PDB file of N, CA and C in Angstrom:
ATOM      1  N   MET A   1    -158.442 -22.015-120.241  1.00  0.00           N
ATOM      2  CA  MET A   1    -158.438 -22.599-121.571  1.00  0.00           C
ATOM      3  C   MET A   1    -159.414 -21.835-122.464  1.00  0.00           C
ATOM      4  N   ILE A   2    -158.994 -21.568-123.688  1.00  0.00           N
ATOM      5  CA  ILE A   2    -159.815 -20.822-124.628  1.00  0.00           C
ATOM      6  C   ILE A   2    -160.900 -21.741-125.181  1.00  0.00           C
ATOM      7  N   GLU A   3    -162.135 -21.275-125.147  1.00  0.00           N
ATOM      8  CA  GLU A   3    -163.291 -22.083-125.531  1.00  0.00           C
ATOM      9  C   GLU A   3    -163.550 -21.985-127.033  1.00  0.00           C
ATOM     10  N   LEU A   4    -162.793 -22.768-127.797  1.00  0.00           N
ATOM     11  CA  LEU A   4    -162.958 -22.809-129.245  1.00  0.00           C
ATOM     12  C   LEU A   4    -164.162 -23.684-129.571  1.00  0.00           C
ATOM     13  N   LYS A   5    -164.972 -23.233-130.539  1.00  0.00           N
ATOM     14  CA  LYS A   5    -166.167 -23.983-130.915  1.00  0.00           C
ATOM     15  C   LYS A   5    -166.090 -24.344-132.397  1.00  0.00           C
ATOM     16  N   PRO A   6    -166.420 -25.606-132.738  1.00  0.00           N
ATOM     17  CA  PRO A   6    -166.438 -25.977-134.150  1.00  0.00           C
ATOM     18  C   PRO A   6    -167.562 -25.245-134.883  1.00  0.00           C
ATOM     19  N   HIS A   7    -167.347 -24.981-136.157  1.00  0.00           N
ATOM     20  CA  HIS A   7    -168.304 -24.291-137.014  1.00  0.00           C
ATOM     21  C   HIS A   7    -168.232 -25.005-138.370  1.00  0.00           C
ATOM     22  N   PRO A   8    -169.332 -25.050-139.130  1.00  0.00           N
ATOM     23  CA  PRO A   8    -169.277 -25.737-140.429  1.00  0.00           C
ATOM     24  C   PRO A   8    -168.169 -25.232-141.368  1.00  0.00           C
ATOM     25  N   HIS A   9    -167.744 -23.983-141.191  1.00  0.00           N
ATOM     26  CA  HIS A   9    -166.709 -23.419-142.062  1.00  0.00           C
ATOM     27  C   HIS A   9    -165.352 -23.285-141.384  1.00  0.00           C
ATOM     28  N   GLY A  10    -165.215 -23.744-140.138  1.00  0.00           N
ATOM     29  CA  GLY A  10    -163.936 -23.624-139.433  1.00  0.00           C
ATOM     30  C   GLY A  10    -164.121 -23.685-137.934  1.00  0.00           C
ATOM     31  N   THR A  11    -163.640 -22.642-137.255  1.00  0.00           N
ATOM     32  CA  THR A  11    -163.674 -22.599-135.789  1.00  0.00           C
ATOM     33  C   THR A  11    -164.071 -21.204-135.324  1.00  0.00           C
ATOM     34  N   ILE A  12    -164.888 -21.146-134.269  1.00  0.00           N
ATOM     35  CA  ILE A  12    -165.238 -19.856-133.661  1.00  0.00           C
ATOM     36  C   ILE A  12    -164.259 -19.587-132.525  1.00  0.00           C
ATOM     37  N   LEU A  13    -163.607 -18.439-132.617  1.00  0.00           N
ATOM     38  CA  LEU A  13    -162.612 -18.012-131.635  1.00  0.00           C
ATOM     39  C   LEU A  13    -163.171 -16.848-130.825  1.00  0.00           C
ATOM     40  N   PRO A  14    -163.368 -17.023-129.505  1.00  0.00           N
ATOM     41  CA  PRO A  14    -163.801 -15.906-128.673  1.00  0.00           C
ATOM     42  C   PRO A  14    -162.604 -15.031-128.303  1.00  0.00           C
ATOM     43  N   VAL A  15    -162.781 -13.721-128.453  1.00  0.00           N
ATOM     44  CA  VAL A  15    -161.688 -12.778-128.209  1.00  0.00           C
ATOM     45  C   VAL A  15    -162.159 -11.660-127.293  1.00  0.00           C
ATOM     46  N   ARG A  16    -161.290 -11.282-126.355  1.00  0.00           N
ATOM     47  CA  ARG A  16    -161.506 -10.078-125.543  1.00  0.00           C
ATOM     48  C   ARG A  16    -160.493  -9.055-126.050  1.00  0.00           C
ATOM     49  N   ALA A  17    -161.010  -8.031-126.719  1.00  0.00           N
ATOM     50  CA  ALA A  17    -160.141  -7.030-127.347  1.00  0.00           C
ATOM     51  C   ALA A  17    -159.946  -5.827-126.438  1.00  0.00           C
ATOM     52  N   GLN A  18    -158.740  -5.287-126.473  1.00  0.00           N
ATOM     53  CA  GLN A  18    -158.425  -4.063-125.742  1.00  0.00           C
ATOM     54  C   GLN A  18    -157.872  -3.056-126.748  1.00  0.00           C
ATOM     55  N   PRO A  19    -158.737  -2.177-127.267  1.00  0.00           N
ATOM     56  CA  PRO A  19    -158.264  -1.162-128.217  1.00  0.00           C
ATOM     57  C   PRO A  19    -157.550  -0.025-127.497  1.00  0.00           C
ATOM     58  N   GLY A  20    -156.758   0.735-128.235  1.00  0.00           N
ATOM     59  CA  GLY A  20    -156.066   1.888-127.658  1.00  0.00           C
ATOM     60  C   GLY A  20    -154.952   1.520-126.699  1.00  0.00           C
ATOM     61  N   ALA A  21    -154.395   0.332-126.849  1.00  0.00           N
ATOM     62  CA  ALA A  21    -153.315  -0.125-125.961  1.00  0.00           C
ATOM     63  C   ALA A  21    -151.977   0.457-126.419  1.00  0.00           C
ATOM     64  N   ARG A  22    -150.939   0.230-125.626  1.00  0.00           N
ATOM     65  CA  ARG A  22    -149.601   0.729-125.968  1.00  0.00           C
ATOM     66  C   ARG A  22    -148.982   0.005-127.142  1.00  0.00           C
ATOM     67  N   LYS A  23    -149.280  -1.320-127.256  1.00  0.00           N
ATOM     68  CA  LYS A  23    -148.721  -2.078-128.376  1.00  0.00           C
ATOM     69  C   LYS A  23    -149.668  -3.192-128.784  1.00  0.00           C
ATOM     70  N   ASN A  24    -149.484  -3.664-130.011  1.00  0.00           N
ATOM     71  CA  ASN A  24    -150.265  -4.786-130.531  1.00  0.00           C
ATOM     72  C   ASN A  24    -149.658  -6.074-129.997  1.00  0.00           C
ATOM     73  N   GLU A  25    -150.481  -6.858-129.280  1.00  0.00           N
ATOM     74  CA  GLU A  25    -149.963  -8.133-128.781  1.00  0.00           C
ATOM     75  C   GLU A  25    -151.089  -9.059-128.355  1.00  0.00           C
ATOM     76  N   ILE A  26    -150.784 -10.349-128.432  1.00  0.00           N
ATOM     77  CA  ILE A  26    -151.676 -11.358-127.880  1.00  0.00           C
ATOM     78  C   ILE A  26    -151.222 -11.556-126.449  1.00  0.00           C
ATOM     79  N   ARG A  27    -152.112 -11.255-125.501  1.00  0.00           N
ATOM     80  CA  ARG A  27    -151.710 -11.186-124.094  1.00  0.00           C
ATOM     81  C   ARG A  27    -151.953 -12.454-123.306  1.00  0.00           C
ATOM     82  N   GLY A  28    -152.762 -13.369-123.822  1.00  0.00           N
ATOM     83  CA  GLY A  28    -153.013 -14.598-123.077  1.00  0.00           C
ATOM     84  C   GLY A  28    -154.479 -14.967-123.093  1.00  0.00           C
ATOM     85  N   GLU A  29    -154.900 -15.673-122.053  1.00  0.00           N
ATOM     86  CA  GLU A  29    -156.265 -16.159-121.941  1.00  0.00           C
ATOM     87  C   GLU A  29    -156.942 -15.475-120.763  1.00  0.00           C
ATOM     88  N   GLN A  30    -158.216 -15.120-120.921  1.00  0.00           N
ATOM     89  CA  GLN A  30    -158.994 -14.527-119.836  1.00  0.00           C
ATOM     90  C   GLN A  30    -160.447 -14.955-119.990  1.00  0.00           C
ATOM     91  N   ASP A  31    -160.986 -15.602-118.983  1.00  0.00           N
ATOM     92  CA  ASP A  31    -162.388 -16.037-118.966  1.00  0.00           C
ATOM     93  C   ASP A  31    -162.778 -16.843-120.205  1.00  0.00           C
ATOM     94  N   GLY A  32    -161.899 -17.739-120.650  1.00  0.00           N
ATOM     95  CA  GLY A  32    -162.191 -18.584-121.797  1.00  0.00           C
ATOM     96  C   GLY A  32    -162.041 -17.889-123.140  1.00  0.00           C
ATOM     97  N   MET A  33    -161.480 -16.684-123.131  1.00  0.00           N
ATOM     98  CA  MET A  33    -161.301 -15.925-124.360  1.00  0.00           C
ATOM     99  C   MET A  33    -159.819 -15.604-124.559  1.00  0.00           C
ATOM    100  N   LEU A  34    -159.437 -15.401-125.817  1.00  0.00           N
ATOM    101  CA  LEU A  34    -158.082 -14.962-126.136  1.00  0.00           C
ATOM    102  C   LEU A  34    -158.032 -13.458-125.942  1.00  0.00           C
ATOM    103  N   LYS A  35    -157.130 -12.975-125.095  1.00  0.00           N
ATOM    104  CA  LYS A  35    -157.027 -11.540-124.826  1.00  0.00           C
ATOM    105  C   LYS A  35    -156.011 -10.926-125.779  1.00  0.00           C
ATOM    106  N   VAL A  36    -156.462  -9.904-126.517  1.00  0.00           N
ATOM    107  CA  VAL A  36    -155.629  -9.279-127.542  1.00  0.00           C
ATOM    108  C   VAL A  36    -155.687  -7.767-127.393  1.00  0.00           C
ATOM    109  N   SER A  37    -154.526  -7.119-127.426  1.00  0.00           N
ATOM    110  CA  SER A  37    -154.440  -5.653-127.355  1.00  0.00           C
ATOM    111  C   SER A  37    -154.024  -5.111-128.711  1.00  0.00           C
ATOM    112  N   VAL A  38    -154.667  -4.008-129.112  1.00  0.00           N
ATOM    113  CA  VAL A  38    -154.283  -3.322-130.349  1.00  0.00           C
ATOM    114  C   VAL A  38    -154.159  -1.826-130.068  1.00  0.00           C
ATOM    115  N   THR A  39    -153.286  -1.156-130.811  1.00  0.00           N
ATOM    116  CA  THR A  39    -153.045   0.267-130.577  1.00  0.00           C
ATOM    117  C   THR A  39    -154.119   1.151-131.203  1.00  0.00           C
ATOM    118  N   GLN A  40    -154.832   0.651-132.179  1.00  0.00           N
ATOM    119  CA  GLN A  40    -155.846   1.456-132.859  1.00  0.00           C
ATOM    120  C   GLN A  40    -157.006   1.796-131.914  1.00  0.00           C
ATOM    121  N   PRO A  41    -157.590   2.991-132.076  1.00  0.00           N
ATOM    122  CA  PRO A  41    -158.743   3.367-131.252  1.00  0.00           C
ATOM    123  C   PRO A  41    -160.006   2.643-131.735  1.00  0.00           C
ATOM    124  N   PRO A  42    -160.997   2.502-130.850  1.00  0.00           N
ATOM    125  CA  PRO A  42    -162.237   1.801-131.222  1.00  0.00           C
ATOM    126  C   PRO A  42    -163.209   2.712-131.978  1.00  0.00           C
ATOM    127  N   GLU A  43    -162.798   3.174-133.146  1.00  0.00           N
ATOM    128  CA  GLU A  43    -163.675   4.045-133.927  1.00  0.00           C
ATOM    129  C   GLU A  43    -163.641   3.646-135.398  1.00  0.00           C
ATOM    130  N   LYS A  44    -164.798   3.616-136.001  1.00  0.00           N
ATOM    131  CA  LYS A  44    -164.950   3.311-137.434  1.00  0.00           C
ATOM    132  C   LYS A  44    -164.314   1.986-137.834  1.00  0.00           C
ATOM    133  N   GLY A  45    -164.310   1.013-136.931  1.00  0.00           N
ATOM    134  CA  GLY A  45    -163.793  -0.315-137.255  1.00  0.00           C
ATOM    135  C   GLY A  45    -162.281  -0.443-137.300  1.00  0.00           C
ATOM    136  N   LYS A  46    -161.557   0.624-136.919  1.00  0.00           N
ATOM    137  CA  LYS A  46    -160.090   0.576-136.980  1.00  0.00           C
ATOM    138  C   LYS A  46    -159.516  -0.505-136.080  1.00  0.00           C
ATOM    139  N   ALA A  47    -160.025  -0.602-134.861  1.00  0.00           N
ATOM    140  CA  ALA A  47    -159.506  -1.600-133.918  1.00  0.00           C
ATOM    141  C   ALA A  47    -159.819  -3.016-134.405  1.00  0.00           C
ATOM    142  N   ASN A  48    -161.000  -3.221-134.983  1.00  0.00           N
ATOM    143  CA  ASN A  48    -161.350  -4.550-135.492  1.00  0.00           C
ATOM    144  C   ASN A  48    -160.426  -4.957-136.638  1.00  0.00           C
ATOM    145  N   LYS A  49    -160.107  -4.022-137.533  1.00  0.00           N
ATOM    146  CA  LYS A  49    -159.189  -4.323-138.639  1.00  0.00           C
ATOM    147  C   LYS A  49    -157.800  -4.643-138.101  1.00  0.00           C
ATOM    148  N   ALA A  50    -157.355  -3.883-137.102  1.00  0.00           N
ATOM    149  CA  ALA A  50    -156.040  -4.137-136.502  1.00  0.00           C
ATOM    150  C   ALA A  50    -156.022  -5.494-135.799  1.00  0.00           C
ATOM    151  N   LEU A  51    -157.119  -5.840-135.157  1.00  0.00           N
ATOM    152  CA  LEU A  51    -157.234  -7.128-134.464  1.00  0.00           C
ATOM    153  C   LEU A  51    -157.101  -8.280-135.462  1.00  0.00           C
ATOM    154  N   ILE A  52    -157.813  -8.196-136.566  1.00  0.00           N
ATOM    155  CA  ILE A  52    -157.756  -9.244-137.588  1.00  0.00           C
ATOM    156  C   ILE A  52    -156.362  -9.319-138.202  1.00  0.00           C
ATOM    157  N   ALA A  53    -155.747  -8.170-138.451  1.00  0.00           N
ATOM    158  CA  ALA A  53    -154.391  -8.155-139.017  1.00  0.00           C
ATOM    159  C   ALA A  53    -153.393  -8.811-138.062  1.00  0.00           C
ATOM    160  N   LEU A  54    -153.484  -8.484-136.772  1.00  0.00           N
ATOM    161  CA  LEU A  54    -152.572  -9.065-135.780  1.00  0.00           C
ATOM    162  C   LEU A  54    -152.772 -10.576-135.673  1.00  0.00           C
ATOM    163  N   LEU A  55    -154.026 -11.012-135.589  1.00  0.00           N
ATOM    164  CA  LEU A  55    -154.291 -12.446-135.475  1.00  0.00           C
ATOM    165  C   LEU A  55    -153.851 -13.202-136.718  1.00  0.00           C
ATOM    166  N   SER A  56    -154.088 -12.640-137.896  1.00  0.00           N
ATOM    167  CA  SER A  56    -153.692 -13.348-139.112  1.00  0.00           C
ATOM    168  C   SER A  56    -152.174 -13.514-139.173  1.00  0.00           C
ATOM    169  N   LYS A  57    -151.446 -12.473-138.821  1.00  0.00           N
ATOM    170  CA  LYS A  57    -149.978 -12.554-138.842  1.00  0.00           C
ATOM    171  C   LYS A  57    -149.473 -13.520-137.764  1.00  0.00           C
ATOM    172  N   SER A  58    -149.995 -13.398-136.551  1.00  0.00           N
ATOM    173  CA  SER A  58    -149.518 -14.215-135.426  1.00  0.00           C
ATOM    174  C   SER A  58    -149.852 -15.696-135.591  1.00  0.00           C
ATOM    175  N   LEU A  59    -151.025 -15.982-136.166  1.00  0.00           N
ATOM    176  CA  LEU A  59    -151.479 -17.364-136.295  1.00  0.00           C
ATOM    177  C   LEU A  59    -151.156 -17.971-137.664  1.00  0.00           C
ATOM    178  N   SER A  60    -150.394 -17.239-138.488  1.00  0.00           N
ATOM    179  CA  SER A  60    -150.019 -17.693-139.829  1.00  0.00           C
ATOM    180  C   SER A  60    -151.250 -18.025-140.674  1.00  0.00           C
ATOM    181  N   LEU A  61    -152.175 -17.068-140.726  1.00  0.00           N
ATOM    182  CA  LEU A  61    -153.401 -17.202-141.511  1.00  0.00           C
ATOM    183  C   LEU A  61    -153.514 -16.035-142.477  1.00  0.00           C
ATOM    184  N   ARG A  62    -154.361 -16.187-143.490  1.00  0.00           N
ATOM    185  CA  ARG A  62    -154.672 -15.061-144.359  1.00  0.00           C
ATOM    186  C   ARG A  62    -155.755 -14.211-143.675  1.00  0.00           C
ATOM    187  N   LYS A  63    -155.727 -12.904-143.902  1.00  0.00           N
ATOM    188  CA  LYS A  63    -156.757 -12.036-143.323  1.00  0.00           C
ATOM    189  C   LYS A  63    -158.149 -12.475-143.753  1.00  0.00           C
ATOM    190  N   SER A  64    -158.265 -12.970-144.972  1.00  0.00           N
ATOM    191  CA  SER A  64    -159.568 -13.391-145.494  1.00  0.00           C
ATOM    192  C   SER A  64    -160.119 -14.615-144.763  1.00  0.00           C
ATOM    193  N   GLN A  65    -159.274 -15.314-144.004  1.00  0.00           N
ATOM    194  CA  GLN A  65    -159.736 -16.471-143.241  1.00  0.00           C
ATOM    195  C   GLN A  65    -160.401 -16.073-141.928  1.00  0.00           C
ATOM    196  N   ILE A  66    -160.257 -14.825-141.505  1.00  0.00           N
ATOM    197  CA  ILE A  66    -160.792 -14.388-140.218  1.00  0.00           C
ATOM    198  C   ILE A  66    -161.937 -13.416-140.460  1.00  0.00           C
ATOM    199  N   GLU A  67    -163.088 -13.728-139.887  1.00  0.00           N
ATOM    200  CA  GLU A  67    -164.289 -12.913-140.078  1.00  0.00           C
ATOM    201  C   GLU A  67    -164.917 -12.615-138.715  1.00  0.00           C
ATOM    202  N   LEU A  68    -165.296 -11.369-138.502  1.00  0.00           N
ATOM    203  CA  LEU A  68    -165.965 -10.967-137.268  1.00  0.00           C
ATOM    204  C   LEU A  68    -167.431 -11.377-137.356  1.00  0.00           C
ATOM    205  N   LEU A  69    -167.856 -12.273-136.469  1.00  0.00           N
ATOM    206  CA  LEU A  69    -169.248 -12.733-136.457  1.00  0.00           C
ATOM    207  C   LEU A  69    -170.110 -11.902-135.511  1.00  0.00           C
ATOM    208  N   ALA A  70    -169.555 -11.543-134.354  1.00  0.00           N
ATOM    209  CA  ALA A  70    -170.326 -10.821-133.341  1.00  0.00           C
ATOM    210  C   ALA A  70    -169.393  -9.955-132.503  1.00  0.00           C
ATOM    211  N   GLY A  71    -169.925  -8.838-131.997  1.00  0.00           N
ATOM    212  CA  GLY A  71    -169.166  -7.980-131.103  1.00  0.00           C
ATOM    213  C   GLY A  71    -168.470  -6.827-131.787  1.00  0.00           C
ATOM    214  N   GLU A  72    -169.054  -6.324-132.877  1.00  0.00           N
ATOM    215  CA  GLU A  72    -168.404  -5.255-133.631  1.00  0.00           C
ATOM    216  C   GLU A  72    -168.044  -4.050-132.762  1.00  0.00           C
ATOM    217  N   THR A  73    -168.913  -3.685-131.819  1.00  0.00           N
ATOM    218  CA  THR A  73    -168.653  -2.526-130.958  1.00  0.00           C
ATOM    219  C   THR A  73    -168.394  -2.919-129.508  1.00  0.00           C
ATOM    220  N   SER A  74    -168.214  -4.204-129.265  1.00  0.00           N
ATOM    221  CA  SER A  74    -167.995  -4.707-127.909  1.00  0.00           C
ATOM    222  C   SER A  74    -166.559  -5.214-127.767  1.00  0.00           C
ATOM    223  N   PRO A  75    -166.006  -5.184-126.551  1.00  0.00           N
ATOM    224  CA  PRO A  75    -164.680  -5.779-126.366  1.00  0.00           C
ATOM    225  C   PRO A  75    -164.715  -7.306-126.499  1.00  0.00           C
ATOM    226  N   GLN A  76    -165.877  -7.912-126.289  1.00  0.00           N
ATOM    227  CA  GLN A  76    -166.012  -9.356-126.401  1.00  0.00           C
ATOM    228  C   GLN A  76    -166.499  -9.691-127.803  1.00  0.00           C
ATOM    229  N   LYS A  77    -165.678 -10.419-128.536  1.00  0.00           N
ATOM    230  CA  LYS A  77    -165.951 -10.686-129.947  1.00  0.00           C
ATOM    231  C   LYS A  77    -165.959 -12.182-130.235  1.00  0.00           C
ATOM    232  N   GLN A  78    -166.668 -12.543-131.284  1.00  0.00           N
ATOM    233  CA  GLN A  78    -166.668 -13.903-131.801  1.00  0.00           C
ATOM    234  C   GLN A  78    -166.129 -13.828-133.223  1.00  0.00           C
ATOM    235  N   LEU A  79    -165.021 -14.509-133.471  1.00  0.00           N
ATOM    236  CA  LEU A  79    -164.407 -14.509-134.787  1.00  0.00           C
ATOM    237  C   LEU A  79    -164.504 -15.902-135.399  1.00  0.00           C
ATOM    238  N   LEU A  80    -164.833 -15.948-136.674  1.00  0.00           N
ATOM    239  CA  LEU A  80    -164.813 -17.206-137.403  1.00  0.00           C
ATOM    240  C   LEU A  80    -163.461 -17.326-138.093  1.00  0.00           C
ATOM    241  N   VAL A  81    -162.745 -18.400-137.784  1.00  0.00           N
ATOM    242  CA  VAL A  81    -161.475 -18.683-138.443  1.00  0.00           C
ATOM    243  C   VAL A  81    -161.768 -19.805-139.436  1.00  0.00           C
ATOM    244  N   ARG A  82    -161.797 -19.450-140.712  1.00  0.00           N
ATOM    245  CA  ARG A  82    -162.201 -20.379-141.767  1.00  0.00           C
ATOM    246  C   ARG A  82    -161.120 -21.419-142.067  1.00  0.00           C
ATOM    247  N   ASP A  83    -161.599 -22.634-142.380  1.00  0.00           N
ATOM    248  CA  ASP A  83    -160.749 -23.733-142.853  1.00  0.00           C
ATOM    249  C   ASP A  83    -159.674 -24.153-141.850  1.00  0.00           C
ATOM    250  N   VAL A  84    -159.947 -23.965-140.564  1.00  0.00           N
ATOM    251  CA  VAL A  84    -159.021 -24.388-139.511  1.00  0.00           C
ATOM    252  C   VAL A  84    -159.832 -25.133-138.453  1.00  0.00           C
ATOM    253  N   THR A  85    -159.370 -26.317-138.064  1.00  0.00           N
ATOM    254  CA  THR A  85    -160.073 -27.087-137.041  1.00  0.00           C
ATOM    255  C   THR A  85    -159.797 -26.499-135.657  1.00  0.00           C
ATOM    256  N   PRO A  86    -160.672 -26.749-134.685  1.00  0.00           N
ATOM    257  CA  PRO A  86    -160.389 -26.281-133.322  1.00  0.00           C
ATOM    258  C   PRO A  86    -159.049 -26.781-132.791  1.00  0.00           C
ATOM    259  N   ALA A  87    -158.691 -28.036-133.086  1.00  0.00           N
ATOM    260  CA  ALA A  87    -157.420 -28.595-132.600  1.00  0.00           C
ATOM    261  C   ALA A  87    -156.236 -27.846-133.213  1.00  0.00           C
ATOM    262  N   ASP A  88    -156.303 -27.567-134.515  1.00  0.00           N
ATOM    263  CA  ASP A  88    -155.220 -26.852-135.194  1.00  0.00           C
ATOM    264  C   ASP A  88    -155.110 -25.426-134.653  1.00  0.00           C
ATOM    265  N   LEU A  89    -156.236 -24.748-134.499  1.00  0.00           N
ATOM    266  CA  LEU A  89    -156.210 -23.380-133.984  1.00  0.00           C
ATOM    267  C   LEU A  89    -155.679 -23.347-132.556  1.00  0.00           C
ATOM    268  N   ASN A  90    -156.081 -24.304-131.741  1.00  0.00           N
ATOM    269  CA  ASN A  90    -155.593 -24.380-130.365  1.00  0.00           C
ATOM    270  C   ASN A  90    -154.073 -24.560-130.350  1.00  0.00           C
ATOM    271  N   HIS A  91    -153.554 -25.401-131.236  1.00  0.00           N
ATOM    272  CA  HIS A  91    -152.109 -25.627-131.333  1.00  0.00           C
ATOM    273  C   HIS A  91    -151.385 -24.328-131.712  1.00  0.00           C
ATOM    274  N   ARG A  92    -151.929 -23.590-132.677  1.00  0.00           N
ATOM    275  CA  ARG A  92    -151.318 -22.322-133.107  1.00  0.00           C
ATOM    276  C   ARG A  92    -151.312 -21.308-131.962  1.00  0.00           C
ATOM    277  N   ILE A  93    -152.410 -21.242-131.221  1.00  0.00           N
ATOM    278  CA  ILE A  93    -152.499 -20.300-130.099  1.00  0.00           C
ATOM    279  C   ILE A  93    -151.519 -20.684-128.996  1.00  0.00           C
ATOM    280  N   GLU A  94    -151.430 -21.965-128.683  1.00  0.00           N
ATOM    281  CA  GLU A  94    -150.499 -22.415-127.639  1.00  0.00           C
ATOM    282  C   GLU A  94    -149.059 -22.056-127.981  1.00  0.00           C
ATOM    283  N   ARG A  95    -148.678 -22.180-129.255  1.00  0.00           N
ATOM    284  CA  ARG A  95    -147.311 -21.827-129.661  1.00  0.00           C
ATOM    285  C   ARG A  95    -147.042 -20.348-129.381  1.00  0.00           C
ATOM    286  N   ILE A  96    -148.025 -19.494-129.627  1.00  0.00           N
ATOM    287  CA  ILE A  96    -147.846 -18.058-129.383  1.00  0.00           C
ATOM    288  C   ILE A  96    -147.746 -17.767-127.892  1.00  0.00           C
ATOM    289  N   LEU A  97    -148.611 -18.393-127.116  1.00  0.00           N
ATOM    290  CA  LEU A  97    -148.655 -18.115-125.674  1.00  0.00           C
ATOM    291  C   LEU A  97    -147.428 -18.654-124.944  1.00  0.00           C
ATOM    292  N   GLU A  98    -146.741 -19.626-125.519  1.00  0.00           N
ATOM    293  CA  GLU A  98    -145.524 -20.159-124.884  1.00  0.00           C
ATOM    294  C   GLU A  98    -144.365 -19.188-124.971  1.00  0.00           C
ATOM    295  N   ARG A  99    -144.399 -18.273-125.919  1.00  0.00           N
ATOM    296  CA  ARG A  99    -143.281 -17.329-126.104  1.00  0.00           C
ATOM    297  C   ARG A  99    -143.210 -16.327-124.989  1.00  0.00           C
TER     298      ARG A  99
END
């Protein structure tokens, strides 16, 4: 189960990112984190931008709602998803993982 944490401005989403993958996809859950692969290399923030773009499209959010809080150069990241409750975000993630 993904360990979503409430935040005064929304929800903190823990992510395990895999840059330089074959395709952009949300792969599932690993160690309480959402596992996400992106094709962009981990240089100059390209992979982080691709990660935010993929999550915003997949979770039906605006890019401006997703902010990187921690883990800029690490595969383990903390993202703030603004104006979304943990329950709502969990529901959106479950719909994606069921596919």
